[in-house]
C-alpha atoms as a PDB file:
ATOM      1  CA  UNK A   1      74.481  99.150  75.285  1.00  0.00           C
ATOM      2  CA  UNK A   2      72.367  98.531  78.379  1.00  0.00           C
ATOM      3  CA  UNK A   3      71.908 101.171  81.083  1.00  0.00           C
ATOM      4  CA  UNK A   4      70.283 100.839  84.503  1.00  0.00           C
ATOM      5  CA  UNK A   5      68.465 103.988  85.645  1.00  0.00           C
ATOM      6  CA  UNK A   6      68.002 104.167  89.423  1.00  0.00           C
ATOM      7  CA  UNK A   7      65.683 107.067  90.233  1.00  0.00           C
ATOM      8  CA  UNK A   8      62.662 107.246  92.535  1.00  0.00           C
ATOM      9  CA  UNK A   9      61.141 110.347  90.929  1.00  0.00           C
ATOM     10  CA  UNK A  10      58.991 108.768  88.222  1.00  0.00           C
ATOM     11  CA  UNK A  11      58.913 111.816  85.961  1.00  0.00           C
ATOM     12  CA  UNK A  12      62.711 112.149  85.939  1.00  0.00           C
ATOM     13  CA  UNK A  13      63.226 108.418  85.440  1.00  0.00           C
ATOM     14  CA  UNK A  14      60.809 108.318  82.513  1.00  0.00           C
ATOM     15  CA  UNK A  15      62.340 111.406  80.917  1.00  0.00           C
ATOM     16  CA  UNK A  16      65.873 109.987  81.141  1.00  0.00           C
ATOM     17  CA  UNK A  17      64.688 106.602  79.893  1.00  0.00           C
ATOM     18  CA  UNK A  18      63.023 108.097  76.812  1.00  0.00           C
ATOM     19  CA  UNK A  19      66.073 110.192  75.962  1.00  0.00           C
ATOM     20  CA  UNK A  20      68.441 107.240  76.350  1.00  0.00           C
ATOM     21  CA  UNK A  21      66.271 104.952  74.276  1.00  0.00           C
ATOM     22  CA  UNK A  22      66.089 107.663  71.609  1.00  0.00           C
ATOM     23  CA  UNK A  23      69.906 107.528  71.541  1.00  0.00           C
ATOM     24  CA  UNK A  24      69.783 103.768  71.001  1.00  0.00           C
ATOM     25  CA  UNK A  25      70.472 102.500  74.518  1.00  0.00           C
ATOM     26  CA  UNK A  26      68.529  99.648  76.095  1.00  0.00           C
ATOM     27  CA  UNK A  27      67.342 100.680  79.552  1.00  0.00           C
ATOM     28  CA  UNK A  28      65.688  99.508  82.730  1.00  0.00           C
ATOM     29  CA  UNK A  29      64.343 101.743  85.508  1.00  0.00           C
ATOM     30  CA  UNK A  30      64.157 100.895  89.203  1.00  0.00           C
ATOM     31  CA  UNK A  31      63.073 103.196  92.027  1.00  0.00           C
ATOM     32  CA  UNK A  32      64.228 101.331  95.139  1.00  0.00           C
ATOM     33  CA  UNK A  33      67.763 101.012  96.510  1.00  0.00           C
ATOM     34  CA  UNK A  34      67.602  97.336  97.431  1.00  0.00           C
ATOM     35  CA  UNK A  35      66.002  96.431  94.120  1.00  0.00           C
ATOM     36  CA  UNK A  36      68.687  98.449  92.324  1.00  0.00           C
ATOM     37  CA  UNK A  37      71.500  96.612  94.091  1.00  0.00           C
ATOM     38  CA  UNK A  38      69.968  93.235  93.291  1.00  0.00           C
ATOM     39  CA  UNK A  39      69.470  94.221  89.651  1.00  0.00           C
ATOM     40  CA  UNK A  40      73.013  95.577  89.264  1.00  0.00           C
ATOM     41  CA  UNK A  41      74.688  92.596  90.921  1.00  0.00           C
ATOM     42  CA  UNK A  42      72.717  89.875  89.133  1.00  0.00           C
ATOM     43  CA  UNK A  43      72.607  91.389  85.645  1.00  0.00           C
ATOM     44  CA  UNK A  44      75.125  92.910  83.273  1.00  0.00           C
ATOM     45  CA  UNK A  45      74.902  96.630  82.513  1.00  0.00           C
ATOM     46  CA  UNK A  46      77.294  98.878  80.620  1.00  0.00           C
ATOM     47  CA  UNK A  47      76.560 101.788  82.937  1.00  0.00           C
ATOM     48  CA  UNK A  48      74.363 102.763  85.906  1.00  0.00           C
ATOM     49  CA  UNK A  49      72.792 106.178  86.497  1.00  0.00           C
ATOM     50  CA  UNK A  50      72.341 106.197  90.275  1.00  0.00           C
ATOM     51  CA  UNK A  51      70.373 108.698  92.336  1.00  0.00           C
ATOM     52  CA  UNK A  52      71.534 109.193  95.941  1.00  0.00           C
ATOM     53  CA  UNK A  53      68.186 109.760  97.653  1.00  0.00           C
ATOM     54  CA  UNK A  54      66.394 106.408  97.359  1.00  0.00           C
ATOM     55  CA  UNK A  55      63.942 104.440  99.509  1.00  0.00           C
ATOM     56  CA  UNK A  56      65.134 101.408 101.535  1.00  0.00           C
ATOM     57  CA  UNK A  57      68.838 101.868 100.652  1.00  0.00           C
ATOM     58  CA  UNK A  58      70.464 105.130  99.611  1.00  0.00           C
ATOM     59  CA  UNK A  59      72.583 105.411  96.500  1.00  0.00           C
ATOM     60  CA  UNK A  60      75.887 105.726  98.370  1.00  0.00           C
ATOM     61  CA  UNK A  61      75.250 102.430 100.162  1.00  0.00           C
ATOM     62  CA  UNK A  62      74.157 100.807  96.895  1.00  0.00           C
ATOM     63  CA  UNK A  63      77.447 101.898  95.340  1.00  0.00           C
ATOM     64  CA  UNK A  64      79.502 100.689  98.310  1.00  0.00           C
ATOM     65  CA  UNK A  65      77.986  97.215  98.174  1.00  0.00           C
ATOM     66  CA  UNK A  66      78.148  97.062  94.380  1.00  0.00           C
ATOM     67  CA  UNK A  67      81.874  97.859  94.358  1.00  0.00           C
ATOM     68  CA  UNK A  68      82.530  94.802  96.499  1.00  0.00           C
ATOM     69  CA  UNK A  69      81.577  92.581  93.565  1.00  0.00           C
ATOM     70  CA  UNK A  70      81.488  94.644  90.347  1.00  0.00           C
ATOM     71  CA  UNK A  71      83.142  97.601  88.621  1.00  0.00           C
ATOM     72  CA  UNK A  72      80.221  98.638  86.398  1.00  0.00           C
ATOM     73  CA  UNK A  73      80.622 102.371  85.569  1.00  0.00           C
ATOM     74  CA  UNK A  74      78.374 104.524  87.770  1.00  0.00           C
ATOM     75  CA  UNK A  75      77.247 108.133  87.366  1.00  0.00           C
ATOM     76  CA  UNK A  76      75.734 109.347  90.634  1.00  0.00           C
ATOM     77  CA  UNK A  77      73.043 112.035  90.831  1.00  0.00           C
ATOM     78  CA  UNK A  78      73.050 114.369  93.843  1.00  0.00           C
ATOM     79  CA  UNK A  79      71.407 117.546  95.018  1.00  0.00           C
ATOM     80  CA  UNK A  80      73.592 120.530  94.126  1.00  0.00           C
ATOM     81  CA  UNK A  81      74.478 121.373  97.742  1.00  0.00           C
ATOM     82  CA  UNK A  82      75.291 117.860  98.948  1.00  0.00           C
ATOM     83  CA  UNK A  83      79.097 118.042  98.686  1.00  0.00           C
ATOM     84  CA  UNK A  84      79.636 115.087 101.017  1.00  0.00           C
ATOM     85  CA  UNK A  85      77.523 112.860  98.752  1.00  0.00           C
ATOM     86  CA  UNK A  86      79.818 113.737  95.861  1.00  0.00           C
ATOM     87  CA  UNK A  87      82.973 113.080  97.870  1.00  0.00           C
ATOM     88  CA  UNK A  88      81.635 109.813  99.315  1.00  0.00           C
ATOM     89  CA  UNK A  89      80.508 108.618  95.905  1.00  0.00           C
ATOM     90  CA  UNK A  90      83.859 109.356  94.267  1.00  0.00           C
ATOM     91  CA  UNK A  91      85.798 107.761  97.118  1.00  0.00           C
ATOM     92  CA  UNK A  92      83.681 104.617  96.776  1.00  0.00           C
ATOM     93  CA  UNK A  93      84.441 104.341  93.085  1.00  0.00           C
ATOM     94  CA  UNK A  94      81.807 106.357  91.238  1.00  0.00           C
ATOM     95  CA  UNK A  95      83.059 107.186  87.759  1.00  0.00           C
ATOM     96  CA  UNK A  96      81.298 110.537  87.511  1.00  0.00           C
ATOM     97  CA  UNK A  97      78.597 112.614  89.130  1.00  0.00           C
ATOM     98  CA  UNK A  98      75.949 115.154  88.165  1.00  0.00           C
ATOM     99  CA  UNK A  99      73.922 117.549  90.259  1.00  0.00           C
ATOM    100  CA  UNK A 100      70.198 118.112  90.021  1.00  0.00           C
ATOM    101  CA  UNK A 101      68.722 119.804  88.132  1.00  0.00           C
ATOM    102  CA  UNK A 102      70.768 118.706  85.125  1.00  0.00           C
ATOM    103  CA  UNK A 103      70.647 119.140  81.350  1.00  0.00           C
ATOM    104  CA  UNK A 104      69.939 115.897  79.534  1.00  0.00           C
ATOM    105  CA  UNK A 105      72.528 116.817  76.885  1.00  0.00           C
ATOM    106  CA  UNK A 106      75.221 116.860  79.554  1.00  0.00           C
ATOM    107  CA  UNK A 107      74.102 113.541  80.992  1.00  0.00           C
ATOM    108  CA  UNK A 108      74.195 111.978  77.529  1.00  0.00           C
ATOM    109  CA  UNK A 109      77.692 113.359  76.969  1.00  0.00           C
ATOM    110  CA  UNK A 110      78.913 111.946  80.272  1.00  0.00           C
ATOM    111  CA  UNK A 111      77.378 108.570  79.480  1.00  0.00           C
ATOM    112  CA  UNK A 112      79.106 108.481  76.087  1.00  0.00           C
ATOM    113  CA  UNK A 113      82.439 109.445  77.670  1.00  0.00           C
ATOM    114  CA  UNK A 114      82.237 106.760  80.353  1.00  0.00           C
ATOM    115  CA  UNK A 115      81.105 104.032  77.963  1.00  0.00           C
ATOM    116  CA  UNK A 116      83.895 104.966  75.553  1.00  0.00           C
ATOM    117  CA  UNK A 117      86.431 104.961  78.370  1.00  0.00           C
ATOM    118  CA  UNK A 118      85.373 101.454  79.377  1.00  0.00           C
ATOM    119  CA  UNK A 119      85.583 100.128  75.808  1.00  0.00           C
ATOM    120  CA  UNK A 120      88.961 101.665  74.995  1.00  0.00           C
ATOM    121  CA  UNK A 121      91.797  99.310  75.909  1.00  0.00           C
ATOM    122  CA  UNK A 122      94.732 100.857  77.723  1.00  0.00           C
ATOM    123  CA  UNK A 123      98.365  99.816  77.892  1.00  0.00           C
ATOM    124  CA  UNK A 124      99.428  97.309  80.502  1.00  0.00           C
ATOM    125  CA  UNK A 125     102.358  98.847  82.314  1.00  0.00           C
ATOM    126  CA  UNK A 126     103.710 102.200  83.391  1.00  0.00           C
ATOM    127  CA  UNK A 127     107.098 102.540  85.057  1.00  0.00           C
ATOM    128  CA  UNK A 128     108.887 105.405  86.730  1.00  0.00           C
ATOM    129  CA  UNK A 129     112.091 104.395  88.448  1.00  0.00           C
ATOM    130  CA  UNK A 130     111.101 101.813  91.040  1.00  0.00           C
ATOM    131  CA  UNK A 131     107.422 102.727  90.696  1.00  0.00           C
ATOM    132  CA  UNK A 132     105.434 100.288  88.567  1.00  0.00           C
ATOM    133  CA  UNK A 133     101.741 100.330  87.633  1.00  0.00           C
ATOM    134  CA  UNK A 134      99.704  97.687  85.848  1.00  0.00           C
ATOM    135  CA  UNK A 135      96.667  99.483  84.428  1.00  0.00           C
ATOM    136  CA  UNK A 136      94.795  96.283  83.621  1.00  0.00           C
ATOM    137  CA  UNK A 137      95.377  94.502  86.925  1.00  0.00           C
ATOM    138  CA  UNK A 138      95.022  97.835  88.768  1.00  0.00           C
ATOM    139  CA  UNK A 139      98.157  97.226  90.840  1.00  0.00           C
ATOM    140  CA  UNK A 140     100.894  99.580  92.005  1.00  0.00           C
ATOM    141  CA  UNK A 141     104.250  98.734  93.509  1.00  0.00           C
ATOM    142  CA  UNK A 142     107.441 100.475  94.557  1.00  0.00           C
ATOM    143  CA  UNK A 143     110.323  98.042  94.388  1.00  0.00           C
ATOM    144  CA  UNK A 144     108.955  94.882  95.967  1.00  0.00           C
ATOM    145  CA  UNK A 145     106.303  96.712  98.030  1.00  0.00           C
ATOM    146  CA  UNK A 146     102.658  96.769  96.941  1.00  0.00           C
ATOM    147  CA  UNK A 147     100.924 100.137  97.329  1.00  0.00           C
ATOM    148  CA  UNK A 148      97.214 100.343  98.019  1.00  0.00           C
ATOM    149  CA  UNK A 149      95.560 103.204  96.089  1.00  0.00           C
ATOM    150  CA  UNK A 150      91.903 104.131  95.740  1.00  0.00           C
ATOM    151  CA  UNK A 151      90.443 104.246  92.238  1.00  0.00           C
ATOM    152  CA  UNK A 152      90.783 108.034  91.920  1.00  0.00           C
ATOM    153  CA  UNK A 153      94.313 108.026  93.335  1.00  0.00           C
ATOM    154  CA  UNK A 154      95.228 105.327  90.820  1.00  0.00           C
ATOM    155  CA  UNK A 155      93.607 107.141  87.879  1.00  0.00           C
ATOM    156  CA  UNK A 156      95.259 110.443  88.782  1.00  0.00           C
ATOM    157  CA  UNK A 157      98.697 108.848  89.010  1.00  0.00           C
ATOM    158  CA  UNK A 158      98.176 107.093  85.669  1.00  0.00           C
ATOM    159  CA  UNK A 159      97.171 110.388  84.051  1.00  0.00           C
ATOM    160  CA  UNK A 160     100.248 112.171  85.385  1.00  0.00           C
ATOM    161  CA  UNK A 161     102.562 109.339  84.298  1.00  0.00           C
ATOM    162  CA  UNK A 162     101.024 109.166  80.843  1.00  0.00           C
ATOM    163  CA  UNK A 163     101.673 112.902  80.495  1.00  0.00           C
ATOM    164  CA  UNK A 164     105.109 113.052  82.070  1.00  0.00           C
ATOM    165  CA  UNK A 165     107.089 116.260  81.451  1.00  0.00           C
ATOM    166  CA  UNK A 166     103.792 118.075  80.779  1.00  0.00           C
ATOM    167  CA  UNK A 167     102.501 120.422  83.463  1.00  0.00           C
ATOM    168  CA  UNK A 168      98.906 119.394  84.193  1.00  0.00           C
ATOM    169  CA  UNK A 169      96.567 122.074  85.536  1.00  0.00           C
ATOM    170  CA  UNK A 170      93.996 121.249  88.172  1.00  0.00           C
ATOM    171  CA  UNK A 171      91.223 121.813  85.637  1.00  0.00           C
ATOM    172  CA  UNK A 172      92.821 119.337  83.217  1.00  0.00           C
ATOM    173  CA  UNK A 173      93.152 116.752  85.965  1.00  0.00           C
ATOM    174  CA  UNK A 174      89.494 117.163  86.910  1.00  0.00           C
ATOM    175  CA  UNK A 175      88.336 116.761  83.317  1.00  0.00           C
ATOM    176  CA  UNK A 176      90.534 113.721  82.659  1.00  0.00           C
ATOM    177  CA  UNK A 177      90.207 111.830  85.932  1.00  0.00           C
ATOM    178  CA  UNK A 178      86.831 112.843  87.369  1.00  0.00           C
ATOM    179  CA  UNK A 179      85.197 113.650  84.045  1.00  0.00           C
ATOM    180  CA  UNK A 180      83.297 116.668  85.310  1.00  0.00           C
ATOM    181  CA  UNK A 181      83.570 120.410  85.891  1.00  0.00           C
ATOM    182  CA  UNK A 182      83.890 120.986  89.631  1.00  0.00           C
ATOM    183  CA  UNK A 183      82.215 124.420  89.390  1.00  0.00           C
ATOM    184  CA  UNK A 184      85.519 126.236  89.806  1.00  0.00           C
ATOM    185  CA  UNK A 185      86.575 124.407  92.978  1.00  0.00           C
ATOM    186  CA  UNK A 186      89.706 122.440  92.107  1.00  0.00           C
ATOM    187  CA  UNK A 187      90.821 121.718  95.676  1.00  0.00           C
ATOM    188  CA  UNK A 188      89.923 118.044  95.247  1.00  0.00           C
ATOM    189  CA  UNK A 189      92.983 117.631  92.991  1.00  0.00           C
ATOM    190  CA  UNK A 190      95.286 119.064  95.684  1.00  0.00           C
ATOM    191  CA  UNK A 191      93.756 116.698  98.225  1.00  0.00           C
ATOM    192  CA  UNK A 192      94.408 113.643  96.060  1.00  0.00           C
ATOM    193  CA  UNK A 193      97.949 114.782  95.270  1.00  0.00           C
ATOM    194  CA  UNK A 194      98.549 114.872  99.028  1.00  0.00           C
ATOM    195  CA  UNK A 195      97.105 111.365  99.324  1.00  0.00           C
ATOM    196  CA  UNK A 196      99.509 110.086  96.661  1.00  0.00           C
ATOM    197  CA  UNK A 197     102.499 111.809  98.237  1.00  0.00           C
ATOM    198  CA  UNK A 198     101.656 110.392 101.658  1.00  0.00           C
ATOM    199  CA  UNK A 199     101.530 106.857 100.241  1.00  0.00           C
ATOM    200  CA  UNK A 200     104.579 107.058  97.949  1.00  0.00           C
ATOM    201  CA  UNK A 201     106.868 110.087  98.368  1.00  0.00           C
ATOM    202  CA  UNK A 202     106.722 110.248 102.165  1.00  0.00           C
ATOM    203  CA  UNK A 203     107.168 106.496 102.574  1.00  0.00           C
ATOM    204  CA  UNK A 204     110.067 106.023 100.149  1.00  0.00           C
ATOM    205  CA  UNK A 205     111.814 109.377 100.442  1.00  0.00           C
ATOM    206  CA  UNK A 206     111.262 110.356  96.824  1.00  0.00           C
ATOM    207  CA  UNK A 207     109.665 113.324  95.069  1.00  0.00           C
ATOM    208  CA  UNK A 208     107.735 111.928  92.123  1.00  0.00           C
ATOM    209  CA  UNK A 209     104.981 114.521  91.715  1.00  0.00           C
ATOM    210  CA  UNK A 210     106.303 118.080  91.485  1.00  0.00           C
ATOM    211  CA  UNK A 211     104.278 121.222  92.083  1.00  0.00           C
ATOM    212  CA  UNK A 212     104.585 124.007  89.527  1.00  0.00           C
ATOM    213  CA  UNK A 213     103.458 127.074  91.414  1.00  0.00           C
ATOM    214  CA  UNK A 214     100.484 128.767  89.813  1.00  0.00           C
ATOM    215  CA  UNK A 215     100.212 126.123  87.074  1.00  0.00           C
ATOM    216  CA  UNK A 216      99.619 122.619  88.424  1.00  0.00           C
ATOM    217  CA  UNK A 217     101.555 119.380  88.752  1.00  0.00           C
ATOM    218  CA  UNK A 218     104.069 117.405  86.714  1.00  0.00           C
ATOM    219  CA  UNK A 219     106.059 114.174  86.787  1.00  0.00           C
ATOM    220  CA  UNK A 220     109.376 114.764  85.062  1.00  0.00           C
ATOM    221  CA  UNK A 221     111.652 112.096  83.633  1.00  0.00           C
ATOM    222  CA  UNK A 222     114.124 110.658  86.106  1.00  0.00           C
END
């Protein structure tokens, strides 16, 4: 497994590199945003640990440009109080995020989870009435209409469909879809449920995702 570490603080980069290599990963460190983008686009990595605050090109812009050509898993690193960095990173397709300062054990666990997720094949198709999802092609349709979903919207809908008839709490959705503990703030799940409803339920006059007051959300069999 090969991991790209993008971090401009030399002491942090070296520490992470040593820990990852101790775990058996091959690594490369870069400290500049433009160099990181070039390295990620022109070489194959199993995962990228990407700091936000970088010289020449910040991590959010690196991620945005990378996602135009590649879907390499990315864990972004942000300052604890930079909520907008987290939101922007997730919306652009980051697979996970961590806030500084962080425990190396947690970073290693998140890396293992994301690498495992990438290596585990999933089923091809999910259907719910006229709603159809292809999890390999990453397509969604309702009848003959294609529906454009962001990565997190897609992943959340897949998770709910795979667990139909089971009430999913906001905490469970965060753990399964975002892969992190949102420090008690689960509002992001409600926001993405609204996004899904606006793109599917409101357009086609259906009620696919049901709210269970005080518990979470569920998709029940038709």
